[in-house]
Amino acid sequence: LLAFAFLGIYYLIVSSMGGMMGKVYRISFFMM
């Protein structure tokens, strides 16, 4: 549950990011 919560918060953060860094963080989210 802690891992799921971390991924949920991480997604909320990276989904609001744009540009190349946003794509990199979204890829890292899916990998996790």
PDB file of all heavy atoms in Angstrom:
ATOM      1  N   LEU A   1       0.829  -1.204   0.000  1.00  0.00           N
ATOM      2  CA  LEU A   1       0.000   0.000   0.000  1.00  0.00           C
ATOM      3  C   LEU A   1       0.862   1.253   0.000  1.00  0.00           C
ATOM      4  O   LEU A   1       0.538   2.244  -0.674  1.00  0.00           O
ATOM      5  CB  LEU A   1      -0.935  -0.003   1.217  1.00  0.00           C
ATOM      6  CG  LEU A   1      -2.097  -1.004   1.189  1.00  0.00           C
ATOM      7  CD1 LEU A   1      -2.938  -0.864   2.451  1.00  0.00           C
ATOM      8  CD2 LEU A   1      -2.958  -0.806  -0.047  1.00  0.00           C
ATOM      9  N   LEU A   2       1.970   1.232   0.757  1.00  0.00           N
ATOM     10  CA  LEU A   2       2.895   2.370   0.752  1.00  0.00           C
ATOM     11  C   LEU A   2       3.492   2.576  -0.645  1.00  0.00           C
ATOM     12  O   LEU A   2       3.638   3.711  -1.114  1.00  0.00           O
ATOM     13  CB  LEU A   2       4.009   2.150   1.776  1.00  0.00           C
ATOM     14  CG  LEU A   2       3.618   2.277   3.246  1.00  0.00           C
ATOM     15  CD1 LEU A   2       4.813   1.941   4.148  1.00  0.00           C
ATOM     16  CD2 LEU A   2       3.115   3.689   3.553  1.00  0.00           C
ATOM     17  N   ALA A   3       3.829   1.461  -1.304  1.00  0.00           N
ATOM     18  CA  ALA A   3       4.376   1.559  -2.659  1.00  0.00           C
ATOM     19  C   ALA A   3       3.329   2.111  -3.624  1.00  0.00           C
ATOM     20  O   ALA A   3       3.640   2.961  -4.480  1.00  0.00           O
ATOM     21  CB  ALA A   3       4.859   0.184  -3.128  1.00  0.00           C
ATOM     22  N   PHE A   4       2.078   1.660  -3.504  1.00  0.00           N
ATOM     23  CA  PHE A   4       1.009   2.179  -4.358  1.00  0.00           C
ATOM     24  C   PHE A   4       0.794   3.672  -4.111  1.00  0.00           C
ATOM     25  O   PHE A   4       0.600   4.445  -5.063  1.00  0.00           O
ATOM     26  CB  PHE A   4      -0.291   1.426  -4.100  1.00  0.00           C
ATOM     27  CG  PHE A   4      -0.238  -0.027  -4.482  1.00  0.00           C
ATOM     28  CD1 PHE A   4      -0.969  -0.972  -3.768  1.00  0.00           C
ATOM     29  CD2 PHE A   4       0.536  -0.460  -5.543  1.00  0.00           C
ATOM     30  CE1 PHE A   4      -0.918  -2.313  -4.108  1.00  0.00           C
ATOM     31  CE2 PHE A   4       0.588  -1.796  -5.901  1.00  0.00           C
ATOM     32  CZ  PHE A   4      -0.142  -2.727  -5.178  1.00  0.00           C
ATOM     33  N   ALA A   5       0.819   4.078  -2.841  1.00  0.00           N
ATOM     34  CA  ALA A   5       0.642   5.495  -2.509  1.00  0.00           C
ATOM     35  C   ALA A   5       1.774   6.338  -3.090  1.00  0.00           C
ATOM     36  O   ALA A   5       1.539   7.432  -3.626  1.00  0.00           O
ATOM     37  CB  ALA A   5       0.565   5.669  -0.995  1.00  0.00           C
ATOM     38  N   PHE A   6       3.000   5.830  -2.988  1.00  0.00           N
ATOM     39  CA  PHE A   6       4.147   6.552  -3.552  1.00  0.00           C
ATOM     40  C   PHE A   6       3.986   6.725  -5.059  1.00  0.00           C
ATOM     41  O   PHE A   6       4.226   7.822  -5.598  1.00  0.00           O
ATOM     42  CB  PHE A   6       5.440   5.802  -3.243  1.00  0.00           C
ATOM     43  CG  PHE A   6       6.634   6.320  -3.995  1.00  0.00           C
ATOM     44  CD1 PHE A   6       7.276   7.471  -3.577  1.00  0.00           C
ATOM     45  CD2 PHE A   6       7.097   5.643  -5.126  1.00  0.00           C
ATOM     46  CE1 PHE A   6       8.369   7.960  -4.292  1.00  0.00           C
ATOM     47  CE2 PHE A   6       8.194   6.125  -5.833  1.00  0.00           C
ATOM     48  CZ  PHE A   6       8.829   7.285  -5.414  1.00  0.00           C
ATOM     49  N   LEU A   7       3.577   5.652  -5.749  1.00  0.00           N
ATOM     50  CA  LEU A   7       3.399   5.740  -7.196  1.00  0.00           C
ATOM     51  C   LEU A   7       2.280   6.715  -7.560  1.00  0.00           C
ATOM     52  O   LEU A   7       2.380   7.435  -8.557  1.00  0.00           O
ATOM     53  CB  LEU A   7       3.103   4.356  -7.774  1.00  0.00           C
ATOM     54  CG  LEU A   7       4.279   3.379  -7.823  1.00  0.00           C
ATOM     55  CD1 LEU A   7       3.819   2.017  -8.327  1.00  0.00           C
ATOM     56  CD2 LEU A   7       5.398   3.916  -8.703  1.00  0.00           C
ATOM     57  N   GLY A   8       1.211   6.735  -6.746  1.00  0.00           N
ATOM     58  CA  GLY A   8       0.122   7.678  -7.005  1.00  0.00           C
ATOM     59  C   GLY A   8       0.587   9.120  -6.879  1.00  0.00           C
ATOM     60  O   GLY A   8       0.272   9.970  -7.740  1.00  0.00           O
ATOM     61  N   ILE A   9       1.331   9.424  -5.819  1.00  0.00           N
ATOM     62  CA  ILE A   9       1.848  10.786  -5.629  1.00  0.00           C
ATOM     63  C   ILE A   9       2.847  11.134  -6.733  1.00  0.00           C
ATOM     64  O   ILE A   9       2.844  12.247  -7.265  1.00  0.00           O
ATOM     65  CB  ILE A   9       2.490  10.907  -4.232  1.00  0.00           C
ATOM     66  CG1 ILE A   9       1.423  10.716  -3.142  1.00  0.00           C
ATOM     67  CG2 ILE A   9       3.175  12.259  -4.069  1.00  0.00           C
ATOM     68  CD1 ILE A   9       1.987  10.632  -1.743  1.00  0.00           C
ATOM     69  N   TYR A  10       3.700  10.160  -7.071  1.00  0.00           N
ATOM     70  CA  TYR A  10       4.700  10.377  -8.119  1.00  0.00           C
ATOM     71  C   TYR A  10       4.030  10.684  -9.454  1.00  0.00           C
ATOM     72  O   TYR A  10       4.477  11.574 -10.196  1.00  0.00           O
ATOM     73  CB  TYR A  10       5.574   9.122  -8.236  1.00  0.00           C
ATOM     74  CG  TYR A  10       6.777   9.272  -9.131  1.00  0.00           C
ATOM     75  CD1 TYR A  10       7.937   9.874  -8.664  1.00  0.00           C
ATOM     76  CD2 TYR A  10       6.756   8.795 -10.443  1.00  0.00           C
ATOM     77  CE1 TYR A  10       9.057  10.007  -9.485  1.00  0.00           C
ATOM     78  CE2 TYR A  10       7.859   8.917 -11.269  1.00  0.00           C
ATOM     79  CZ  TYR A  10       9.003   9.524 -10.781  1.00  0.00           C
ATOM     80  OH  TYR A  10      10.104   9.656 -11.600  1.00  0.00           O
ATOM     81  N   TYR A  11       2.938   9.983  -9.740  1.00  0.00           N
ATOM     82  CA  TYR A  11       2.224  10.228 -10.991  1.00  0.00           C
ATOM     83  C   TYR A  11       1.604  11.625 -11.014  1.00  0.00           C
ATOM     84  O   TYR A  11       1.630  12.310 -12.050  1.00  0.00           O
ATOM     85  CB  TYR A  11       1.136   9.178 -11.199  1.00  0.00           C
ATOM     86  CG  TYR A  11       0.309   9.419 -12.439  1.00  0.00           C
ATOM     87  CD1 TYR A  11       0.818   9.121 -13.702  1.00  0.00           C
ATOM     88  CD2 TYR A  11      -0.977   9.955 -12.352  1.00  0.00           C
ATOM     89  CE1 TYR A  11       0.074   9.351 -14.853  1.00  0.00           C
ATOM     90  CE2 TYR A  11      -1.731  10.193 -13.493  1.00  0.00           C
ATOM     91  CZ  TYR A  11      -1.198   9.899 -14.733  1.00  0.00           C
ATOM     92  OH  TYR A  11      -1.923  10.144 -15.868  1.00  0.00           O
ATOM     93  N   LEU A  12       1.020  12.057  -9.903  1.00  0.00           N
ATOM     94  CA  LEU A  12       0.433  13.394  -9.845  1.00  0.00           C
ATOM     95  C   LEU A  12       1.484  14.468 -10.103  1.00  0.00           C
ATOM     96  O   LEU A  12       1.198  15.499 -10.726  1.00  0.00           O
ATOM     97  CB  LEU A  12      -0.224  13.619  -8.487  1.00  0.00           C
ATOM     98  CG  LEU A  12      -1.485  12.785  -8.188  1.00  0.00           C
ATOM     99  CD1 LEU A  12      -1.970  13.045  -6.780  1.00  0.00           C
ATOM    100  CD2 LEU A  12      -2.587  13.089  -9.203  1.00  0.00           C
ATOM    101  N   ILE A  13       2.681  14.213  -9.625  1.00  0.00           N
ATOM    102  CA  ILE A  13       3.756  15.191  -9.816  1.00  0.00           C
ATOM    103  C   ILE A  13       4.234  15.209 -11.265  1.00  0.00           C
ATOM    104  O   ILE A  13       4.329  16.267 -11.897  1.00  0.00           O
ATOM    105  CB  ILE A  13       4.927  14.893  -8.859  1.00  0.00           C
ATOM    106  CG1 ILE A  13       4.484  15.090  -7.401  1.00  0.00           C
ATOM    107  CG2 ILE A  13       6.126  15.792  -9.177  1.00  0.00           C
ATOM    108  CD1 ILE A  13       5.522  14.671  -6.387  1.00  0.00           C
ATOM    109  N   VAL A  14       4.538  14.007 -11.818  1.00  0.00           N
ATOM    110  CA  VAL A  14       5.131  13.968 -13.157  1.00  0.00           C
ATOM    111  C   VAL A  14       4.097  14.286 -14.241  1.00  0.00           C
ATOM    112  O   VAL A  14       4.473  14.741 -15.333  1.00  0.00           O
ATOM    113  CB  VAL A  14       5.773  12.589 -13.426  1.00  0.00           C
ATOM    114  CG1 VAL A  14       6.842  12.283 -12.394  1.00  0.00           C
ATOM    115  CG2 VAL A  14       4.729  11.480 -13.464  1.00  0.00           C
ATOM    116  N   SER A  15       2.806  14.037 -13.967  1.00  0.00           N
ATOM    117  CA  SER A  15       1.788  14.327 -14.984  1.00  0.00           C
ATOM    118  C   SER A  15       1.642  15.814 -15.236  1.00  0.00           C
ATOM    119  O   SER A  15       1.135  16.234 -16.288  1.00  0.00           O
ATOM    120  CB  SER A  15       0.447  13.727 -14.573  1.00  0.00           C
ATOM    121  OG  SER A  15      -0.008  14.302 -13.356  1.00  0.00           O
ATOM    122  N   SER A  16       2.042  16.624 -14.277  1.00  0.00           N
ATOM    123  CA  SER A  16       1.955  18.076 -14.446  1.00  0.00           C
ATOM    124  C   SER A  16       3.213  18.675 -15.060  1.00  0.00           C
ATOM    125  O   SER A  16       3.265  19.887 -15.303  1.00  0.00           O
ATOM    126  CB  SER A  16       1.699  18.742 -13.084  1.00  0.00           C
ATOM    127  OG  SER A  16       2.777  18.492 -12.189  1.00  0.00           O
ATOM    128  N   MET A  17       4.210  17.840 -15.311  1.00  0.00           N
ATOM    129  CA  MET A  17       5.464  18.317 -15.877  1.00  0.00           C
ATOM    130  C   MET A  17       5.422  18.221 -17.398  1.00  0.00           C
ATOM    131  O   MET A  17       4.871  17.275 -17.958  1.00  0.00           O
ATOM    132  CB  MET A  17       6.644  17.493 -15.334  1.00  0.00           C
ATOM    133  CG  MET A  17       6.815  17.575 -13.830  1.00  0.00           C
ATOM    134  SD  MET A  17       8.134  16.489 -13.210  1.00  0.00           S
ATOM    135  CE  MET A  17       9.563  17.217 -14.019  1.00  0.00           C
ATOM    136  N   GLY A  18       5.992  19.205 -18.053  1.00  0.00           N
ATOM    137  CA  GLY A  18       6.022  19.213 -19.506  1.00  0.00           C
ATOM    138  C   GLY A  18       7.442  19.097 -20.028  1.00  0.00           C
ATOM    139  O   GLY A  18       8.403  18.986 -19.269  1.00  0.00           O
ATOM    140  N   GLY A  19       7.569  19.125 -21.342  1.00  0.00           N
ATOM    141  CA  GLY A  19       8.887  19.084 -21.942  1.00  0.00           C
ATOM    142  C   GLY A  19       9.517  17.707 -21.902  1.00  0.00           C
ATOM    143  O   GLY A  19       8.879  16.700 -21.581  1.00  0.00           O
ATOM    144  N   MET A  20      10.809  17.681 -22.213  1.00  0.00           N
ATOM    145  CA  MET A  20      11.546  16.438 -22.264  1.00  0.00           C
ATOM    146  C   MET A  20      11.648  15.786 -20.890  1.00  0.00           C
ATOM    147  O   MET A  20      11.536  14.559 -20.763  1.00  0.00           O
ATOM    148  CB  MET A  20      12.944  16.686 -22.830  1.00  0.00           C
ATOM    149  CG  MET A  20      13.799  15.434 -22.961  1.00  0.00           C
ATOM    150  SD  MET A  20      13.053  14.179 -24.033  1.00  0.00           S
ATOM    151  CE  MET A  20      13.123  15.032 -25.613  1.00  0.00           C
ATOM    152  N   MET A  21      11.869  16.590 -19.846  1.00  0.00           N
ATOM    153  CA  MET A  21      11.983  16.024 -18.500  1.00  0.00           C
ATOM    154  C   MET A  21      10.679  15.367 -18.067  1.00  0.00           C
ATOM    155  O   MET A  21      10.693  14.344 -17.387  1.00  0.00           O
ATOM    156  CB  MET A  21      12.385  17.108 -17.504  1.00  0.00           C
ATOM    157  CG  MET A  21      13.815  17.607 -17.679  1.00  0.00           C
ATOM    158  SD  MET A  21      15.018  16.262 -17.559  1.00  0.00           S
ATOM    159  CE  MET A  21      14.740  15.708 -15.881  1.00  0.00           C
ATOM    160  N   GLY A  22       9.570  15.939 -18.464  1.00  0.00           N
ATOM    161  CA  GLY A  22       8.281  15.333 -18.143  1.00  0.00           C
ATOM    162  C   GLY A  22       8.137  13.964 -18.780  1.00  0.00           C
ATOM    163  O   GLY A  22       7.644  13.015 -18.153  1.00  0.00           O
ATOM    164  N   LYS A  23       8.580  13.804 -20.032  1.00  0.00           N
ATOM    165  CA  LYS A  23       8.526  12.506 -20.701  1.00  0.00           C
ATOM    166  C   LYS A  23       9.433  11.496 -20.008  1.00  0.00           C
ATOM    167  O   LYS A  23       9.061  10.328 -19.840  1.00  0.00           O
ATOM    168  CB  LYS A  23       8.941  12.666 -22.164  1.00  0.00           C
ATOM    169  CG  LYS A  23       7.954  13.453 -23.007  1.00  0.00           C
ATOM    170  CD  LYS A  23       8.416  13.536 -24.446  1.00  0.00           C
ATOM    171  CE  LYS A  23       7.422  14.311 -25.292  1.00  0.00           C
ATOM    172  NZ  LYS A  23       7.872  14.421 -26.715  1.00  0.00           N
ATOM    173  N   VAL A  24      10.616  11.942 -19.605  1.00  0.00           N
ATOM    174  CA  VAL A  24      11.545  11.043 -18.923  1.00  0.00           C
ATOM    175  C   VAL A  24      10.948  10.548 -17.617  1.00  0.00           C
ATOM    176  O   VAL A  24      11.008   9.354 -17.292  1.00  0.00           O
ATOM    177  CB  VAL A  24      12.892  11.753 -18.666  1.00  0.00           C
ATOM    178  CG1 VAL A  24      13.783  10.897 -17.768  1.00  0.00           C
ATOM    179  CG2 VAL A  24      13.597  12.047 -19.981  1.00  0.00           C
ATOM    180  N   TYR A  25      10.341  11.454 -16.837  1.00  0.00           N
ATOM    181  CA  TYR A  25       9.765  11.053 -15.554  1.00  0.00           C
ATOM    182  C   TYR A  25       8.545  10.157 -15.741  1.00  0.00           C
ATOM    183  O   TYR A  25       8.302   9.255 -14.939  1.00  0.00           O
ATOM    184  CB  TYR A  25       9.394  12.285 -14.734  1.00  0.00           C
ATOM    185  CG  TYR A  25      10.564  12.911 -14.024  1.00  0.00           C
ATOM    186  CD1 TYR A  25      11.027  14.175 -14.383  1.00  0.00           C
ATOM    187  CD2 TYR A  25      11.212  12.237 -13.001  1.00  0.00           C
ATOM    188  CE1 TYR A  25      12.111  14.753 -13.735  1.00  0.00           C
ATOM    189  CE2 TYR A  25      12.292  12.797 -12.346  1.00  0.00           C
ATOM    190  CZ  TYR A  25      12.734  14.061 -12.720  1.00  0.00           C
ATOM    191  OH  TYR A  25      13.808  14.612 -12.077  1.00  0.00           O
ATOM    192  N   ARG A  26       7.776  10.403 -16.808  1.00  0.00           N
ATOM    193  CA  ARG A  26       6.629   9.528 -17.055  1.00  0.00           C
ATOM    194  C   ARG A  26       7.090   8.123 -17.455  1.00  0.00           C
ATOM    195  O   ARG A  26       6.470   7.131 -17.064  1.00  0.00           O
ATOM    196  CB  ARG A  26       5.727  10.136 -18.143  1.00  0.00           C
ATOM    197  CG  ARG A  26       4.822  11.236 -17.619  1.00  0.00           C
ATOM    198  CD  ARG A  26       3.771  11.623 -18.639  1.00  0.00           C
ATOM    199  NE  ARG A  26       4.356  12.417 -19.717  1.00  0.00           N
ATOM    200  CZ  ARG A  26       4.502  13.738 -19.676  1.00  0.00           C
ATOM    201  NH1 ARG A  26       4.110  14.412 -18.601  1.00  0.00           N
ATOM    202  NH2 ARG A  26       5.023  14.392 -20.710  1.00  0.00           N
ATOM    203  N   ILE A  27       8.162   8.041 -18.219  1.00  0.00           N
ATOM    204  CA  ILE A  27       8.717   6.726 -18.560  1.00  0.00           C
ATOM    205  C   ILE A  27       9.200   6.022 -17.296  1.00  0.00           C
ATOM    206  O   ILE A  27       8.978   4.812 -17.111  1.00  0.00           O
ATOM    207  CB  ILE A  27       9.858   6.878 -19.583  1.00  0.00           C
ATOM    208  CG1 ILE A  27       9.305   7.330 -20.927  1.00  0.00           C
ATOM    209  CG2 ILE A  27      10.615   5.547 -19.738  1.00  0.00           C
ATOM    210  CD1 ILE A  27      10.375   7.647 -21.954  1.00  0.00           C
ATOM    211  N   SER A  28       9.861   6.761 -16.403  1.00  0.00           N
ATOM    212  CA  SER A  28      10.329   6.158 -15.150  1.00  0.00           C
ATOM    213  C   SER A  28       9.152   5.689 -14.301  1.00  0.00           C
ATOM    214  O   SER A  28       9.248   4.660 -13.619  1.00  0.00           O
ATOM    215  CB  SER A  28      11.176   7.165 -14.370  1.00  0.00           C
ATOM    216  OG  SER A  28      10.382   8.253 -13.912  1.00  0.00           O
ATOM    217  N   PHE A  29       8.025   6.424 -14.369  1.00  0.00           N
ATOM    218  CA  PHE A  29       6.833   6.004 -13.622  1.00  0.00           C
ATOM    219  C   PHE A  29       6.317   4.661 -14.128  1.00  0.00           C
ATOM    220  O   PHE A  29       6.031   3.749 -13.334  1.00  0.00           O
ATOM    221  CB  PHE A  29       5.738   7.068 -13.747  1.00  0.00           C
ATOM    222  CG  PHE A  29       4.390   6.611 -13.278  1.00  0.00           C
ATOM    223  CD1 PHE A  29       4.106   6.518 -11.918  1.00  0.00           C
ATOM    224  CD2 PHE A  29       3.402   6.243 -14.191  1.00  0.00           C
ATOM    225  CE1 PHE A  29       2.864   6.087 -11.487  1.00  0.00           C
ATOM    226  CE2 PHE A  29       2.167   5.806 -13.758  1.00  0.00           C
ATOM    227  CZ  PHE A  29       1.893   5.729 -12.404  1.00  0.00           C
ATOM    228  N   PHE A  30       6.216   4.500 -15.432  1.00  0.00           N
ATOM    229  CA  PHE A  30       5.732   3.240 -15.996  1.00  0.00           C
ATOM    230  C   PHE A  30       6.704   2.102 -15.718  1.00  0.00           C
ATOM    231  O   PHE A  30       6.289   0.959 -15.475  1.00  0.00           O
ATOM    232  CB  PHE A  30       5.484   3.396 -17.493  1.00  0.00           C
ATOM    233  CG  PHE A  30       4.265   4.204 -17.833  1.00  0.00           C
ATOM    234  CD1 PHE A  30       4.378   5.436 -18.462  1.00  0.00           C
ATOM    235  CD2 PHE A  30       3.003   3.741 -17.509  1.00  0.00           C
ATOM    236  CE1 PHE A  30       3.256   6.176 -18.761  1.00  0.00           C
ATOM    237  CE2 PHE A  30       1.859   4.477 -17.793  1.00  0.00           C
ATOM    238  CZ  PHE A  30       1.990   5.712 -18.431  1.00  0.00           C
ATOM    239  N   MET A  31       7.988   2.374 -15.730  1.00  0.00           N
ATOM    240  CA  MET A  31       8.977   1.346 -15.415  1.00  0.00           C
ATOM    241  C   MET A  31       8.822   0.873 -13.966  1.00  0.00           C
ATOM    242  O   MET A  31       8.908  -0.322 -13.673  1.00  0.00           O
ATOM    243  CB  MET A  31      10.383   1.870 -15.655  1.00  0.00           C
ATOM    244  CG  MET A  31      10.714   2.148 -17.112  1.00  0.00           C
ATOM    245  SD  MET A  31      10.633   0.658 -18.136  1.00  0.00           S
ATOM    246  CE  MET A  31      11.994  -0.284 -17.457  1.00  0.00           C
ATOM    247  N   MET A  32       8.595   1.820 -13.051  1.00  0.00           N
ATOM    248  CA  MET A  32       8.400   1.445 -11.651  1.00  0.00           C
ATOM    249  C   MET A  32       7.114   0.643 -11.472  1.00  0.00           C
ATOM    250  O   MET A  32       7.066  -0.288 -10.665  1.00  0.00           O
ATOM    251  CB  MET A  32       8.393   2.688 -10.767  1.00  0.00           C
ATOM    252  CG  MET A  32       9.751   3.307 -10.560  1.00  0.00           C
ATOM    253  SD  MET A  32       9.762   4.616  -9.304  1.00  0.00           S
ATOM    254  CE  MET A  32       8.834   5.897 -10.151  1.00  0.00           C
TER     255      MET A  32
END
